[in-house]
Amino acid sequence: MQATCNLPLAASSKLPAAACCLAVQAASNKLPAHSSIATASSIIVGFIYVIIFHRVAMADRNSKWVGVGFVTYAYILLYIALSSGQIFFNKWVLSSEEINFPYPLGLTLLHMIFSSVLCFMLTKVFKIMKVEEGMTLEIYISSVIPIGAMFAMTLWLGNTAYLYISVAFAQMLKAIMPVAVFILGVVAGLEIMSCRMLLIMSLISFGVLVASYGEVNISWVGVFYQMGGVVGEALRLIFMEILVKRKGLKLNPVSVMYYVSPCSAIFLLIPWIFLEKSKMDAQGTWNFKPVVLTLNSLCTFALNLSVFLVISHTSALTIRVAGVVKDWVVVLLSAILFADTKLTLINLFGYAIAIVGVAAYNNHKLKKEASRVVNSDQPAESLPLVSSQTSNK
């Protein structure tokens, strides 16, 4: 069965969405090598197109042909398309015989190196984007380094899970994220246990358990890796919360990438040398397809940029809702594209329960953030929002 994508998109997001559709087809191993390269090239074209459109829109906000709602929906669709497409792209690179690159550490390390170099070029050389000021050596050592370590752990374990479990099941397991964040938040003194939150956490946990029970081809090794990635991401968010609340430093996603990516690259380099480098040397995998991997890294960076654009033009609620929509898109499309994905009614029922719990959690967090803004008399745009990178998301 060939995957199709029929999305009614605004003009500014047609290219990225088309690129995502092609990436989805490539992920299902139905496109030859030259088509996969064209796929990633299309993603880049769409990425560049949206940057240009963004700059034009900012320069002429009052223009009749550029409306606020038009730009907003375009960026939301761009985020959903890139986020979903990147997950399939990573799965294809790691699992397909065509690429033959089953090295999640190496792939994630490449992403971080690429992101570090590109962030430096965009912020310091071309000065297209701005890095938030206020970073000190003490803050970097006490906060950024732990964040970088947890980020590296999240991406490494999350991408490794794709070698053992289906994309759909991995997304279902990720729904447990609010539970991990809340429990660690209570331990760190950032959250307060209440009957309402206990009910929400129980609902999410029950939904994930039901979804896991309905999984046909379950691999406990893959579950272990995915849950390890969830714990790493939860710890990263806790450290970010500490960075914002106790250090008083607010960073947009571009600034986070600028500071965290080099640190994460170092933390990934060490285990890569001991765990994967010798395997790559023995199997001669250094002869990988550099164009595909480079484009895969650029797609990852484009995804992070799309998060920045969505946050800049909408709100915390919008990005959270878009994330839920993206998760459903990934689960349903992966059932069509990958042979290792076999969804059951129990899967979908359990995941639906978990998503209800996630929605309740997001609503609770957003109310807290809104009350914090009112009490501190800060504009909504200054709300710190840290979105996880979707290399494995």
Protein backbone atom coordinates (compact mmCIF):
# COMPACT_ATOMS: atom_id res chain seq x y z
CA MET A 1 0.00 0.00 0.00
CA GLN A 2 1.41 3.38 -0.95
CA ALA A 3 1.15 6.23 1.51
CA THR A 4 -0.65 9.33 0.43
CA CYS A 5 -0.89 12.75 2.01
CA ASN A 6 -3.77 15.03 1.18
CA LEU A 7 -3.48 18.09 3.40
CA PRO A 8 -5.38 21.34 2.73
CA LEU A 9 -2.54 23.69 3.53
CA ALA A 10 -1.98 27.39 3.29
CA ALA A 11 0.33 28.47 0.52
CA SER A 12 3.25 29.12 2.83
CA SER A 13 3.27 25.53 4.10
CA LYS A 14 2.68 23.61 0.89
CA LEU A 15 6.33 22.94 0.21
CA PRO A 16 7.16 21.71 3.72
CA ALA A 17 4.06 19.55 3.79
CA ALA A 18 4.86 18.04 0.40
CA ALA A 19 8.37 17.37 1.60
CA CYS A 20 6.98 15.64 4.66
CA CYS A 21 4.77 13.43 2.49
CA LEU A 22 7.77 12.37 0.44
CA ALA A 23 9.75 11.72 3.61
CA VAL A 24 6.92 9.53 4.82
CA GLN A 25 7.09 7.51 1.62
CA ALA A 26 10.84 7.21 1.93
CA ALA A 27 10.43 5.96 5.48
CA SER A 28 8.30 3.08 4.26
CA ASN A 29 11.22 1.95 2.04
CA LYS A 30 9.16 2.49 -1.06
CA LEU A 31 11.36 5.17 -2.55
CA PRO A 32 14.72 4.46 -4.18
CA ALA A 33 17.91 6.15 -3.06
CA HIS A 34 17.74 9.04 -5.51
CA SER A 35 14.13 9.69 -4.52
CA SER A 36 15.06 9.78 -0.83
CA ILE A 37 17.68 12.41 -1.62
CA ALA A 38 15.08 14.38 -3.52
CA THR A 39 12.83 13.98 -0.48
CA ALA A 40 15.28 15.58 1.88
CA SER A 41 16.07 18.24 -0.71
CA SER A 42 12.38 19.09 -0.84
CA ILE A 43 12.37 19.47 2.94
CA ILE A 44 15.26 21.92 2.67
CA VAL A 45 13.54 23.89 -0.06
CA GLY A 46 10.43 24.13 2.08
CA PHE A 47 12.54 25.10 5.09
CA ILE A 48 14.25 27.93 3.19
CA TYR A 49 10.93 28.99 1.70
CA VAL A 50 9.33 29.37 5.13
CA ILE A 51 12.32 31.36 6.46
CA ILE A 52 11.95 33.78 3.55
CA PHE A 53 8.19 33.98 4.07
CA HIS A 54 8.73 34.58 7.78
CA ARG A 55 11.02 37.53 7.13
CA VAL A 56 8.65 39.01 4.56
CA ALA A 57 5.70 38.61 6.89
CA MET A 58 7.54 40.32 9.73
CA ALA A 59 8.52 43.19 7.46
CA ASP A 60 4.97 43.73 6.26
CA ARG A 61 2.56 42.63 8.95
CA ASN A 62 -0.06 45.11 7.86
CA SER A 63 -0.06 43.95 4.27
CA LYS A 64 -3.44 42.77 3.02
CA TRP A 65 -2.12 39.47 1.66
CA VAL A 66 -0.37 38.51 4.89
CA GLY A 67 -2.79 37.94 7.74
CA VAL A 68 -1.89 36.93 11.26
CA GLY A 69 -4.11 33.85 11.13
CA PHE A 70 -2.64 32.85 7.76
CA VAL A 71 0.91 32.92 9.12
CA THR A 72 -0.07 31.17 12.34
CA TYR A 73 -1.78 28.22 10.67
CA ALA A 74 1.06 27.93 8.18
CA TYR A 75 3.62 27.57 10.99
CA ILE A 76 1.47 25.09 12.91
CA LEU A 77 1.08 22.89 9.83
CA LEU A 78 4.78 23.25 9.16
CA TYR A 79 5.59 22.03 12.67
CA ILE A 80 3.26 19.02 12.44
CA ALA A 81 4.58 18.11 8.98
CA LEU A 82 8.26 18.42 9.89
CA SER A 83 7.89 16.70 13.26
CA SER A 84 6.05 13.71 11.81
CA GLY A 85 8.32 13.52 8.77
CA GLN A 86 11.47 13.65 10.91
CA ILE A 87 10.35 10.67 12.99
CA PHE A 88 9.80 8.62 9.84
CA PHE A 89 13.07 9.90 8.36
CA ASN A 90 15.02 8.74 11.43
CA LYS A 91 13.29 5.37 11.43
CA TRP A 92 14.18 4.92 7.77
CA VAL A 93 17.84 5.88 8.25
CA LEU A 94 18.25 3.61 11.27
CA SER A 95 16.27 0.58 10.09
CA SER A 96 16.40 0.39 6.31
CA GLU A 97 18.84 -1.87 4.48
CA GLU A 98 19.18 0.78 1.82
CA ILE A 99 20.93 3.27 4.11
CA ASN A 100 22.46 0.62 6.39
CA PHE A 101 23.15 2.98 9.29
CA PRO A 102 21.86 1.22 12.45
CA TYR A 103 23.85 3.48 14.73
CA PRO A 104 21.57 5.70 16.85
CA LEU A 105 24.51 7.14 18.77
CA GLY A 106 26.29 8.10 15.57
CA LEU A 107 23.15 9.59 14.06
CA THR A 108 22.34 11.61 17.16
CA LEU A 109 25.95 12.79 17.45
CA LEU A 110 25.81 13.96 13.84
CA HIS A 111 22.61 15.89 14.60
CA MET A 112 24.20 17.68 17.55
CA ILE A 113 27.39 18.58 15.69
CA PHE A 114 25.38 19.86 12.74
CA SER A 115 23.08 21.84 15.04
CA SER A 116 26.05 23.38 16.87
CA VAL A 117 27.72 24.53 13.67
CA LEU A 118 24.51 25.82 12.10
CA CYS A 119 23.44 27.68 15.27
CA PHE A 120 26.82 29.40 15.38
CA MET A 121 26.56 30.38 11.72
CA LEU A 122 23.02 31.72 12.04
CA THR A 123 23.58 33.65 15.27
CA LYS A 124 27.19 34.82 15.10
CA VAL A 125 28.13 34.90 11.41
CA PHE A 126 24.95 35.75 9.50
CA LYS A 127 23.15 37.10 12.61
CA ILE A 128 19.75 35.99 11.34
CA MET A 129 18.72 34.92 14.85
CA LYS A 130 19.53 36.26 18.27
CA VAL A 131 20.89 34.37 21.28
CA GLU A 132 19.43 35.46 24.60
CA GLU A 133 21.97 37.09 26.91
CA GLY A 134 22.56 36.41 30.59
CA MET A 135 24.48 33.14 30.39
CA THR A 136 27.36 32.89 32.87
CA LEU A 137 29.99 30.24 33.54
CA GLU A 138 28.32 29.29 36.82
CA ILE A 139 24.92 28.84 35.14
CA TYR A 140 26.49 26.89 32.29
CA ILE A 141 28.24 24.47 34.64
CA SER A 142 25.36 24.03 37.09
CA SER A 143 22.47 23.95 34.60
CA VAL A 144 23.41 23.73 30.92
CA ILE A 145 25.81 20.80 31.33
CA PRO A 146 23.20 18.64 33.16
CA ILE A 147 20.61 19.66 30.55
CA GLY A 148 23.01 18.72 27.75
CA ALA A 149 23.72 15.35 29.37
CA MET A 150 20.02 14.54 29.77
CA PHE A 151 19.29 15.73 26.24
CA ALA A 152 21.98 13.42 24.88
CA MET A 153 20.55 10.55 26.91
CA THR A 154 17.03 11.25 25.64
CA LEU A 155 17.98 11.32 21.97
CA TRP A 156 20.33 8.34 22.19
CA LEU A 157 17.91 6.00 23.98
CA GLY A 158 14.87 7.26 22.07
CA ASN A 159 16.47 6.67 18.68
CA THR A 160 17.79 3.28 19.80
CA ALA A 161 14.25 2.21 20.66
CA TYR A 162 13.31 2.46 16.97
CA LEU A 163 15.54 -0.54 16.30
CA TYR A 164 13.34 -2.72 18.51
CA ILE A 165 9.80 -1.34 18.59
CA SER A 166 7.44 0.25 16.10
CA VAL A 167 7.10 3.99 15.69
CA ALA A 168 3.46 3.87 16.80
CA PHE A 169 4.23 1.98 20.02
CA ALA A 170 7.12 4.33 20.77
CA GLN A 171 4.73 7.30 20.50
CA MET A 172 2.29 5.57 22.83
CA LEU A 173 4.98 5.01 25.44
CA LYS A 174 5.97 8.68 25.22
CA ALA A 175 2.52 9.58 26.54
CA ILE A 176 3.83 8.60 29.98
CA MET A 177 6.10 11.67 29.88
CA PRO A 178 3.89 13.92 32.10
CA VAL A 179 3.92 11.25 34.80
CA ALA A 180 7.72 11.11 34.84
CA VAL A 181 7.99 14.91 34.81
CA PHE A 182 5.49 15.30 37.64
CA ILE A 183 7.05 12.63 39.89
CA LEU A 184 10.55 14.06 39.43
CA GLY A 185 9.12 17.56 39.91
CA VAL A 186 7.65 16.53 43.26
CA VAL A 187 11.01 15.07 44.30
CA ALA A 188 12.79 18.29 43.24
CA GLY A 189 10.25 20.46 45.06
CA LEU A 190 8.91 22.02 41.85
CA GLU A 191 5.50 20.34 41.96
CA ILE A 192 2.97 19.75 44.72
CA MET A 193 1.06 16.49 44.99
CA SER A 194 -2.71 16.92 44.91
CA CYS A 195 -5.73 14.70 44.45
CA ARG A 196 -6.38 16.21 41.03
CA MET A 197 -2.84 15.60 39.81
CA LEU A 198 -2.85 12.08 41.26
CA LEU A 199 -6.01 11.35 39.27
CA ILE A 200 -4.48 12.75 36.07
CA MET A 201 -1.27 10.75 36.51
CA SER A 202 -3.27 7.59 37.21
CA LEU A 203 -5.35 8.15 34.07
CA ILE A 204 -2.24 8.57 31.87
CA SER A 205 -0.52 5.53 33.41
CA PHE A 206 -3.62 3.38 32.96
CA GLY A 207 -3.93 4.41 29.33
CA VAL A 208 -0.29 3.58 28.58
CA LEU A 209 -0.63 0.20 30.33
CA VAL A 210 -3.72 -0.64 28.26
CA ALA A 211 -1.93 0.42 25.05
CA SER A 212 1.07 -1.75 26.00
CA TYR A 213 -1.18 -4.72 26.74
CA GLY A 214 -2.62 -4.42 23.24
CA GLU A 215 0.80 -4.40 21.55
CA VAL A 216 1.17 -7.48 19.33
CA ASN A 217 4.95 -7.60 18.86
CA ILE A 218 6.30 -6.14 22.07
CA SER A 219 10.05 -5.98 22.68
CA TRP A 220 11.00 -5.35 26.28
CA VAL A 221 14.44 -4.21 25.19
CA GLY A 222 12.82 -1.51 23.07
CA VAL A 223 10.48 -0.61 25.93
CA PHE A 224 13.50 -0.27 28.23
CA TYR A 225 15.26 2.07 25.82
CA GLN A 226 12.14 4.15 25.24
CA MET A 227 11.37 4.49 28.93
CA GLY A 228 15.00 5.43 29.54
CA GLY A 229 14.56 8.17 26.95
CA VAL A 230 11.39 9.33 28.72
CA VAL A 231 13.22 9.55 32.06
CA GLY A 232 16.06 11.48 30.41
CA GLU A 233 13.62 13.94 28.84
CA ALA A 234 11.79 14.37 32.15
CA LEU A 235 15.08 15.14 33.91
CA ARG A 236 15.98 17.61 31.16
CA LEU A 237 12.68 19.45 31.62
CA ILE A 238 13.19 19.51 35.39
CA PHE A 239 16.65 21.03 34.95
CA MET A 240 15.16 23.57 32.54
CA GLU A 241 12.52 24.44 35.12
CA ILE A 242 15.22 24.95 37.73
CA LEU A 243 17.19 27.06 35.26
CA VAL A 244 14.18 29.32 34.70
CA LYS A 245 12.79 29.51 38.24
CA ARG A 246 15.92 29.55 40.37
CA LYS A 247 18.42 31.10 37.96
CA GLY A 248 15.95 33.52 36.40
CA LEU A 249 17.22 32.84 32.87
CA LYS A 250 14.69 32.64 30.03
CA LEU A 251 15.89 31.05 26.80
CA ASN A 252 14.05 30.65 23.52
CA PRO A 253 14.52 27.35 21.64
CA VAL A 254 17.23 28.81 19.39
CA SER A 255 19.25 29.89 22.41
CA VAL A 256 18.73 26.47 23.98
CA MET A 257 20.11 24.80 20.86
CA TYR A 258 23.05 27.21 20.75
CA TYR A 259 24.12 26.44 24.32
CA VAL A 260 23.03 22.82 24.70
CA SER A 261 23.95 21.24 21.34
CA PRO A 262 27.77 21.42 21.76
CA CYS A 263 27.47 20.07 25.29
CA SER A 264 25.25 17.20 24.15
CA ALA A 265 27.67 16.42 21.31
CA ILE A 266 30.48 15.92 23.82
CA PHE A 267 28.35 13.63 25.98
CA LEU A 268 27.42 11.58 22.90
CA LEU A 269 30.96 11.42 21.56
CA ILE A 270 32.31 9.49 24.57
CA PRO A 271 29.88 6.50 24.43
CA TRP A 272 30.01 6.54 20.62
CA ILE A 273 33.78 5.95 20.69
CA PHE A 274 33.36 2.92 22.97
CA LEU A 275 30.08 1.46 21.68
CA GLU A 276 29.72 2.18 17.96
CA LYS A 277 32.97 3.38 16.45
CA SER A 278 34.57 -0.09 16.47
CA LYS A 279 31.46 -1.59 14.87
CA MET A 280 31.49 1.02 12.15
CA ASP A 281 35.19 0.38 11.53
CA ALA A 282 34.65 -3.40 11.36
CA GLN A 283 31.67 -3.25 9.02
CA GLY A 284 33.04 -0.49 6.82
CA THR A 285 30.00 1.67 7.53
CA TRP A 286 32.06 4.80 7.17
CA ASN A 287 31.06 4.56 3.52
CA PHE A 288 27.58 5.80 4.42
CA LYS A 289 25.62 8.15 2.25
CA PRO A 290 26.75 11.57 3.49
CA VAL A 291 24.14 13.47 1.49
CA VAL A 292 21.23 11.62 3.09
CA LEU A 293 22.63 11.94 6.61
CA THR A 294 23.44 15.59 6.15
CA LEU A 295 19.94 16.29 4.90
CA ASN A 296 18.56 14.29 7.81
CA SER A 297 20.50 16.55 10.19
CA LEU A 298 19.25 19.65 8.42
CA CYS A 299 15.69 18.39 8.69
CA THR A 300 16.23 17.99 12.44
CA PHE A 301 17.42 21.59 12.70
CA ALA A 302 14.47 22.76 10.57
CA LEU A 303 12.14 21.03 13.02
CA ASN A 304 13.68 22.91 15.93
CA LEU A 305 13.33 26.16 14.03
CA SER A 306 9.67 25.43 13.31
CA VAL A 307 9.11 25.04 17.07
CA PHE A 308 10.65 28.50 17.52
CA LEU A 309 8.38 29.97 14.85
CA VAL A 310 5.22 28.41 16.30
CA ILE A 311 6.05 29.65 19.80
CA SER A 312 6.82 33.12 18.46
CA HIS A 313 3.48 33.43 16.68
CA THR A 314 1.09 31.51 18.93
CA SER A 315 1.17 30.34 22.54
CA ALA A 316 2.07 27.49 24.86
CA LEU A 317 -1.42 26.02 24.43
CA THR A 318 -1.07 25.97 20.64
CA ILE A 319 2.24 24.10 20.61
CA ARG A 320 0.94 21.56 23.12
CA VAL A 321 -2.24 20.92 21.13
CA ALA A 322 -0.21 20.70 17.92
CA GLY A 323 2.02 18.14 19.63
CA VAL A 324 -0.97 15.96 20.48
CA VAL A 325 -2.23 16.19 16.89
CA LYS A 326 1.24 15.27 15.64
CA ASP A 327 1.35 12.21 17.90
CA TRP A 328 -1.91 10.92 16.47
CA VAL A 329 -0.70 11.58 12.93
CA VAL A 330 2.47 9.59 13.59
CA VAL A 331 0.61 6.67 15.18
CA LEU A 332 -1.93 6.36 12.37
CA LEU A 333 0.48 6.92 9.48
CA SER A 334 3.05 4.50 10.85
CA ALA A 335 0.42 1.76 10.75
CA ILE A 336 0.18 2.33 6.99
CA LEU A 337 3.87 2.76 6.29
CA PHE A 338 5.72 0.19 8.38
CA ALA A 339 5.30 -3.55 8.37
CA ASP A 340 6.31 -3.82 12.05
CA THR A 341 3.33 -1.67 13.12
CA LYS A 342 0.14 -3.58 13.85
CA LEU A 343 -2.40 -1.49 15.70
CA THR A 344 -5.21 -3.10 17.64
CA LEU A 345 -8.36 -1.64 19.13
CA ILE A 346 -6.83 -2.10 22.58
CA ASN A 347 -3.81 -0.07 21.44
CA LEU A 348 -5.94 2.80 20.22
CA PHE A 349 -8.31 2.68 23.21
CA GLY A 350 -5.45 2.80 25.70
CA TYR A 351 -3.69 5.58 23.80
CA ALA A 352 -6.90 7.61 23.66
CA ILE A 353 -7.22 7.35 27.45
CA ALA A 354 -3.61 8.46 27.88
CA ILE A 355 -4.14 11.42 25.54
CA VAL A 356 -7.14 12.57 27.61
CA GLY A 357 -4.88 12.53 30.65
CA VAL A 358 -2.15 14.41 28.78
CA ALA A 359 -4.69 17.06 27.72
CA ALA A 360 -5.80 17.47 31.34
CA TYR A 361 -2.16 17.80 32.42
CA ASN A 362 -1.43 20.41 29.75
CA ASN A 363 -4.51 22.37 30.80
CA HIS A 364 -3.38 22.31 34.42
CA LYS A 365 0.16 23.47 33.55
CA LEU A 366 -1.09 26.26 31.29
CA LYS A 367 -3.37 27.60 34.01
CA LYS A 368 -0.40 27.70 36.37
CA GLU A 369 1.70 29.52 33.78
CA ALA A 370 -1.11 32.01 33.11
CA SER A 371 -1.53 32.76 36.82
CA ARG A 372 2.22 33.20 37.15
CA VAL A 373 2.17 35.76 34.34
CA VAL A 374 -0.73 37.67 35.92
CA ASN A 375 0.95 37.76 39.32
CA SER A 376 4.28 38.93 37.91
CA ASP A 377 2.71 41.36 35.41
CA GLN A 378 4.73 39.83 32.55
CA PRO A 379 3.50 39.60 28.97
CA ALA A 380 2.50 36.20 27.68
CA GLU A 381 5.33 36.19 25.18
CA SER A 382 7.90 36.00 27.98
CA LEU A 383 6.63 32.64 29.16
CA PRO A 384 9.49 30.15 29.14
CA LEU A 385 8.55 27.18 27.04
CA VAL A 386 11.02 24.44 26.36
CA SER A 387 10.01 22.06 23.63
CA SER A 388 11.76 18.76 23.29
CA GLN A 389 13.74 18.22 20.08
CA THR A 390 11.98 15.81 17.90
CA SER A 391 15.04 13.81 16.54
CA ASN A 392 13.25 10.96 18.16
CA LYS A 393 10.02 12.61 18.76
